[in-house]
Amino acid sequence: MRDFALHRPASVADAAAAFATGGEAAYLAGGHTLIPAMKSRLRMPDALIDLSALGLGGIARDGDRLWIGAMTRHADVATGATAIPGLAALANGIGDMQVRNIGTIGGSLANNDPAADYPAAALALNATIETDRGSHNADDFFQGMFSTALAEGEIITRIGFAVPQASAYGKFRHPVSRYAMVGVYVARFAAGWRVAVTGAGPGVFRWHDAESALAAGSDVPVLAADDLNSDIHASADYRAHLCGVMLKQAIAHLA
């Protein structure tokens, strides 16, 4: 790890200004991806901008949406997202206690790891991701592996999840990392179903055939394995099978 400047801004505007001062800069939230990448020299920013003092934490319901500040820790989502029990349970299953007490929901969504849990919840719960420059709908926000609609230097400020009639998350964990080898989030709304899958492919995605089958009360067709990951942990065919298993598990725990 090489030398870098550390900024601790007191406002979102100051953070954005520090990012724009020149050189390579990086925002620091929980740091679970950034710090290891810096240690291995995969990332070598000239400046780190610590977002911890920006007042971006907290959970509040406003009408049909549950708003969660970007710097809210996983542990606080697990105990505070009571309006959406499925989301609270998802947060409680992220990593281990140390990870949950440091990692943030905004950092996870901005990083968009293809095996992360929150992107599936954001898609299934039709989330709005608000930033210092505007907002993004979850359907347009996730753009592939570690890629999002965020512009350079754009800061997530809060996330608004549509409160469903019921929702749940089924997750098949990697035994070491506890990331999702396959995770399926299911949400039922008055207007229909939304189902999102993480861990199985190069990015999070909506499972539209499952949504249609659930709405029709018919059997969910097996997910095609063509575009799914195949690696030392699981073949694409096995991941396709796990999607069906995790979907059934989630439906059995709808709350």
Protein backbone atom coordinates (compact mmCIF):
# COMPACT_ATOMS: atom_id res chain seq x y z
CA MET A 1 0.00 0.00 0.00
CA ARG A 2 1.46 3.35 -1.01
CA ASP A 3 1.04 6.76 0.62
CA PHE A 4 -2.23 8.60 0.14
CA ALA A 5 -4.00 11.67 1.46
CA LEU A 6 -6.94 11.14 3.81
CA HIS A 7 -9.87 13.58 3.76
CA ARG A 8 -12.64 13.63 6.37
CA PRO A 9 -15.24 16.03 4.95
CA ALA A 10 -18.18 17.18 7.05
CA SER A 11 -20.70 17.49 4.20
CA VAL A 12 -21.61 15.76 0.95
CA ALA A 13 -20.62 18.88 -0.98
CA ASP A 14 -17.19 18.90 0.67
CA ALA A 15 -16.75 15.21 -0.12
CA ALA A 16 -17.57 15.78 -3.79
CA ALA A 17 -15.18 18.74 -3.88
CA ALA A 18 -12.37 16.66 -2.36
CA PHE A 19 -12.97 13.97 -4.98
CA ALA A 20 -12.60 16.52 -7.76
CA THR A 21 -9.30 18.01 -6.62
CA GLY A 22 -7.23 15.90 -9.03
CA GLY A 23 -5.47 12.56 -9.16
CA GLU A 24 -7.19 9.27 -8.40
CA ALA A 25 -9.58 9.49 -5.47
CA ALA A 26 -11.79 6.90 -3.78
CA TYR A 27 -14.66 7.17 -1.36
CA LEU A 28 -14.32 5.14 1.85
CA ALA A 29 -17.49 3.70 3.37
CA GLY A 30 -17.05 0.32 5.08
CA GLY A 31 -13.90 -0.42 3.09
CA HIS A 32 -14.36 -4.19 2.81
CA THR A 33 -13.51 -4.19 -0.90
CA LEU A 34 -11.42 -1.02 -1.17
CA ILE A 35 -8.90 -1.67 1.62
CA PRO A 36 -7.98 -5.22 0.51
CA ALA A 37 -7.66 -3.93 -3.06
CA MET A 38 -5.28 -1.21 -1.84
CA LYS A 39 -3.23 -3.71 0.16
CA SER A 40 -2.77 -5.85 -2.93
CA ARG A 41 -2.12 -2.73 -5.08
CA LEU A 42 -5.11 -3.39 -7.30
CA ARG A 43 -6.26 0.09 -6.29
CA MET A 44 -3.74 2.86 -5.61
CA PRO A 45 -5.71 6.06 -5.00
CA ASP A 46 -3.92 9.33 -4.32
CA ALA A 47 -6.67 10.30 -1.88
CA LEU A 48 -9.21 8.54 0.32
CA ILE A 49 -12.37 10.43 1.21
CA ASP A 50 -13.92 9.13 4.42
CA LEU A 51 -17.72 9.41 4.28
CA SER A 52 -18.37 8.50 7.91
CA ALA A 53 -19.05 12.07 9.13
CA LEU A 54 -21.61 13.03 6.47
CA GLY A 55 -24.71 12.09 8.47
CA LEU A 56 -25.92 9.60 5.88
CA GLY A 57 -27.14 6.95 8.30
CA GLY A 58 -30.62 6.14 9.57
CA ILE A 59 -33.81 4.30 8.63
CA ALA A 60 -37.26 5.86 8.23
CA ARG A 61 -40.51 4.93 6.55
CA ASP A 62 -42.23 7.51 4.37
CA GLY A 63 -45.50 6.27 2.90
CA ASP A 64 -44.94 3.18 0.79
CA ARG A 65 -41.15 3.42 0.92
CA LEU A 66 -38.53 2.54 3.52
CA TRP A 67 -35.61 4.95 3.26
CA ILE A 68 -32.18 3.84 4.44
CA GLY A 69 -29.20 6.16 4.57
CA ALA A 70 -26.23 5.10 2.49
CA MET A 71 -23.85 4.86 5.48
CA THR A 72 -26.21 2.69 7.53
CA ARG A 73 -24.37 -0.42 8.74
CA HIS A 74 -25.62 -3.89 7.87
CA ALA A 75 -26.20 -4.58 11.56
CA ASP A 76 -28.50 -1.56 11.81
CA VAL A 77 -30.45 -2.62 8.72
CA ALA A 78 -30.85 -6.06 10.33
CA THR A 79 -32.43 -4.56 13.44
CA GLY A 80 -34.06 -1.45 12.01
CA ALA A 81 -35.65 -2.43 8.68
CA THR A 82 -38.70 -3.83 10.47
CA ALA A 83 -41.09 -2.60 7.77
CA ILE A 84 -39.51 -5.13 5.39
CA PRO A 85 -38.64 -8.29 7.37
CA GLY A 86 -37.10 -9.94 4.31
CA LEU A 87 -34.60 -7.09 3.93
CA ALA A 88 -33.75 -7.19 7.64
CA ALA A 89 -33.13 -10.94 7.44
CA LEU A 90 -30.94 -10.46 4.36
CA ALA A 91 -28.78 -7.91 6.21
CA ASN A 92 -28.46 -10.26 9.18
CA GLY A 93 -27.00 -12.92 6.88
CA ILE A 94 -24.23 -10.78 5.37
CA GLY A 95 -20.72 -11.94 6.25
CA ASP A 96 -20.08 -12.24 9.97
CA MET A 97 -20.59 -9.97 12.96
CA GLN A 98 -17.47 -7.91 12.24
CA VAL A 99 -18.53 -7.33 8.64
CA ARG A 100 -22.09 -6.39 9.64
CA ASN A 101 -20.86 -3.86 12.19
CA ILE A 102 -18.63 -2.01 9.70
CA GLY A 103 -20.01 -2.58 6.20
CA THR A 104 -22.59 -0.15 4.76
CA ILE A 105 -25.53 -0.59 2.45
CA GLY A 106 -24.48 2.30 0.20
CA GLY A 107 -20.96 0.95 -0.16
CA SER A 108 -22.30 -2.46 -1.15
CA LEU A 109 -24.62 -1.04 -3.79
CA ALA A 110 -21.96 1.29 -5.21
CA ASN A 111 -19.47 -1.58 -5.42
CA ASN A 112 -22.03 -3.93 -7.04
CA ASP A 113 -20.14 -7.16 -6.42
CA PRO A 114 -21.84 -9.83 -8.56
CA ALA A 115 -22.32 -12.03 -5.47
CA ALA A 116 -23.47 -9.30 -3.06
CA ASP A 117 -26.87 -9.53 -1.37
CA TYR A 118 -28.25 -5.97 -1.40
CA PRO A 119 -28.42 -5.64 -5.22
CA ALA A 120 -30.97 -8.48 -5.32
CA ALA A 121 -33.06 -6.75 -2.66
CA ALA A 122 -32.80 -3.41 -4.47
CA LEU A 123 -34.04 -4.94 -7.73
CA ALA A 124 -36.81 -7.03 -6.18
CA LEU A 125 -38.01 -4.15 -3.99
CA ASN A 126 -37.99 -1.66 -6.88
CA ALA A 127 -35.56 0.60 -5.04
CA THR A 128 -34.76 4.22 -5.80
CA ILE A 129 -31.08 5.05 -5.28
CA GLU A 130 -30.73 8.76 -4.47
CA THR A 131 -27.40 10.55 -4.89
CA ASP A 132 -25.94 14.02 -4.60
CA ARG A 133 -26.80 14.51 -8.28
CA GLY A 134 -30.26 12.97 -8.63
CA SER A 135 -31.68 9.47 -8.46
CA HIS A 136 -31.57 6.10 -10.21
CA ASN A 137 -34.15 3.35 -10.44
CA ALA A 138 -32.75 -0.03 -9.47
CA ASP A 139 -33.75 -1.54 -12.83
CA ASP A 140 -31.32 0.84 -14.54
CA PHE A 141 -28.70 1.14 -11.80
CA PHE A 142 -26.89 -2.22 -12.02
CA GLN A 143 -24.97 -2.45 -15.26
CA GLY A 144 -22.81 -5.56 -14.94
CA MET A 145 -19.96 -6.81 -12.82
CA PHE A 146 -18.77 -4.00 -10.47
CA SER A 147 -20.49 -1.49 -12.75
CA THR A 148 -23.35 0.90 -11.97
CA ALA A 149 -25.04 3.99 -13.36
CA LEU A 150 -23.09 6.19 -10.95
CA ALA A 151 -21.06 8.89 -12.66
CA GLU A 152 -17.48 9.59 -11.63
CA GLY A 153 -17.53 11.02 -8.12
CA GLU A 154 -21.29 10.60 -7.61
CA ILE A 155 -22.24 9.80 -4.01
CA ILE A 156 -25.17 7.61 -2.94
CA THR A 157 -27.03 9.40 -0.14
CA ARG A 158 -29.98 7.11 0.59
CA ILE A 159 -31.98 4.20 -0.80
CA GLY A 160 -35.77 3.97 -0.88
CA PHE A 161 -37.20 0.43 -0.93
CA ALA A 162 -40.82 -0.08 -1.94
CA VAL A 163 -42.57 -1.80 0.97
CA PRO A 164 -44.07 -5.06 -0.33
CA GLN A 165 -46.97 -7.12 0.90
CA ALA A 166 -44.38 -9.80 1.67
CA SER A 167 -40.80 -10.62 0.73
CA ALA A 168 -37.98 -13.03 1.55
CA TYR A 169 -34.46 -13.95 0.50
CA GLY A 170 -33.08 -17.42 -0.14
CA LYS A 171 -29.29 -17.65 -0.10
CA PHE A 172 -26.86 -20.48 -0.74
CA ARG A 173 -23.68 -19.24 0.92
CA HIS A 174 -20.12 -19.90 -0.07
CA PRO A 175 -18.82 -21.72 3.02
CA VAL A 176 -15.79 -19.42 3.45
CA SER A 177 -16.62 -15.98 2.08
CA ARG A 178 -20.36 -16.20 2.90
CA TYR A 179 -21.07 -14.40 -0.34
CA ALA A 180 -24.01 -15.77 -2.31
CA MET A 181 -23.15 -18.55 -4.70
CA VAL A 182 -26.82 -18.04 -5.53
CA GLY A 183 -29.25 -15.68 -3.83
CA VAL A 184 -32.89 -15.13 -4.82
CA TYR A 185 -35.00 -12.28 -3.42
CA VAL A 186 -38.76 -12.56 -3.91
CA ALA A 187 -41.21 -9.69 -3.32
CA ARG A 188 -44.99 -9.70 -3.68
CA PHE A 189 -46.78 -6.43 -4.40
CA ALA A 190 -50.41 -5.67 -5.17
CA ALA A 191 -49.34 -5.11 -8.77
CA GLY A 192 -47.48 -8.43 -9.04
CA TRP A 193 -44.23 -10.19 -8.20
CA ARG A 194 -40.60 -9.16 -8.53
CA VAL A 195 -37.79 -11.72 -8.35
CA ALA A 196 -34.08 -10.92 -8.47
CA VAL A 197 -31.06 -13.24 -8.58
CA THR A 198 -27.51 -12.56 -7.39
CA GLY A 199 -24.38 -14.72 -7.39
CA ALA A 200 -25.47 -16.90 -10.29
CA GLY A 201 -24.30 -14.74 -13.19
CA PRO A 202 -21.90 -11.91 -14.01
CA GLY A 203 -24.34 -9.46 -12.45
CA VAL A 204 -27.62 -9.25 -10.58
CA PHE A 205 -30.72 -9.70 -12.74
CA ARG A 206 -34.51 -9.92 -12.69
CA TRP A 207 -35.93 -13.42 -13.21
CA HIS A 208 -38.90 -12.45 -15.36
CA ASP A 209 -40.10 -16.00 -16.10
CA ALA A 210 -40.36 -16.66 -12.38
CA GLU A 211 -42.32 -13.44 -11.89
CA SER A 212 -44.78 -14.39 -14.62
CA ALA A 213 -45.19 -17.94 -13.30
CA LEU A 214 -45.83 -16.76 -9.74
CA ALA A 215 -48.41 -14.24 -10.99
CA ALA A 216 -50.17 -17.00 -12.95
CA GLY A 217 -49.94 -19.52 -10.11
CA SER A 218 -48.07 -21.94 -12.35
CA ASP A 219 -44.81 -23.87 -11.96
CA VAL A 220 -41.67 -21.78 -12.37
CA PRO A 221 -39.63 -22.96 -15.37
CA VAL A 222 -36.03 -23.96 -14.82
CA LEU A 223 -33.69 -21.02 -15.33
CA ALA A 224 -31.52 -21.36 -18.44
CA ALA A 225 -27.87 -21.95 -17.56
CA ASP A 226 -26.47 -20.39 -20.74
CA ASP A 227 -25.43 -17.06 -19.20
CA LEU A 228 -24.65 -18.23 -15.67
CA ASN A 229 -21.25 -18.53 -14.02
CA SER A 230 -19.28 -21.76 -14.16
CA ASP A 231 -16.19 -21.92 -11.95
CA ILE A 232 -14.37 -24.04 -9.38
CA HIS A 233 -17.22 -23.53 -6.92
CA ALA A 234 -20.17 -24.57 -9.07
CA SER A 235 -21.09 -25.24 -12.68
CA ALA A 236 -23.63 -23.13 -14.53
CA ASP A 237 -26.09 -26.04 -14.50
CA TYR A 238 -25.74 -26.41 -10.73
CA ARG A 239 -26.27 -22.68 -10.22
CA ALA A 240 -29.41 -22.86 -12.38
CA HIS A 241 -30.66 -25.68 -10.14
CA LEU A 242 -29.81 -23.67 -7.02
CA CYS A 243 -31.85 -20.73 -8.33
CA GLY A 244 -34.94 -22.90 -8.27
CA VAL A 245 -34.12 -24.25 -4.81
CA MET A 246 -33.46 -20.79 -3.37
CA LEU A 247 -36.64 -19.46 -4.97
CA LYS A 248 -38.67 -22.16 -3.21
CA GLN A 249 -36.86 -21.44 0.03
CA ALA A 250 -37.63 -17.73 -0.22
CA ILE A 251 -41.30 -18.35 -1.03
CA ALA A 252 -41.58 -20.64 1.99
CA HIS A 253 -40.38 -17.76 4.22
CA LEU A 254 -42.41 -14.89 2.76
CA ALA A 255 -43.23 -12.36 5.48
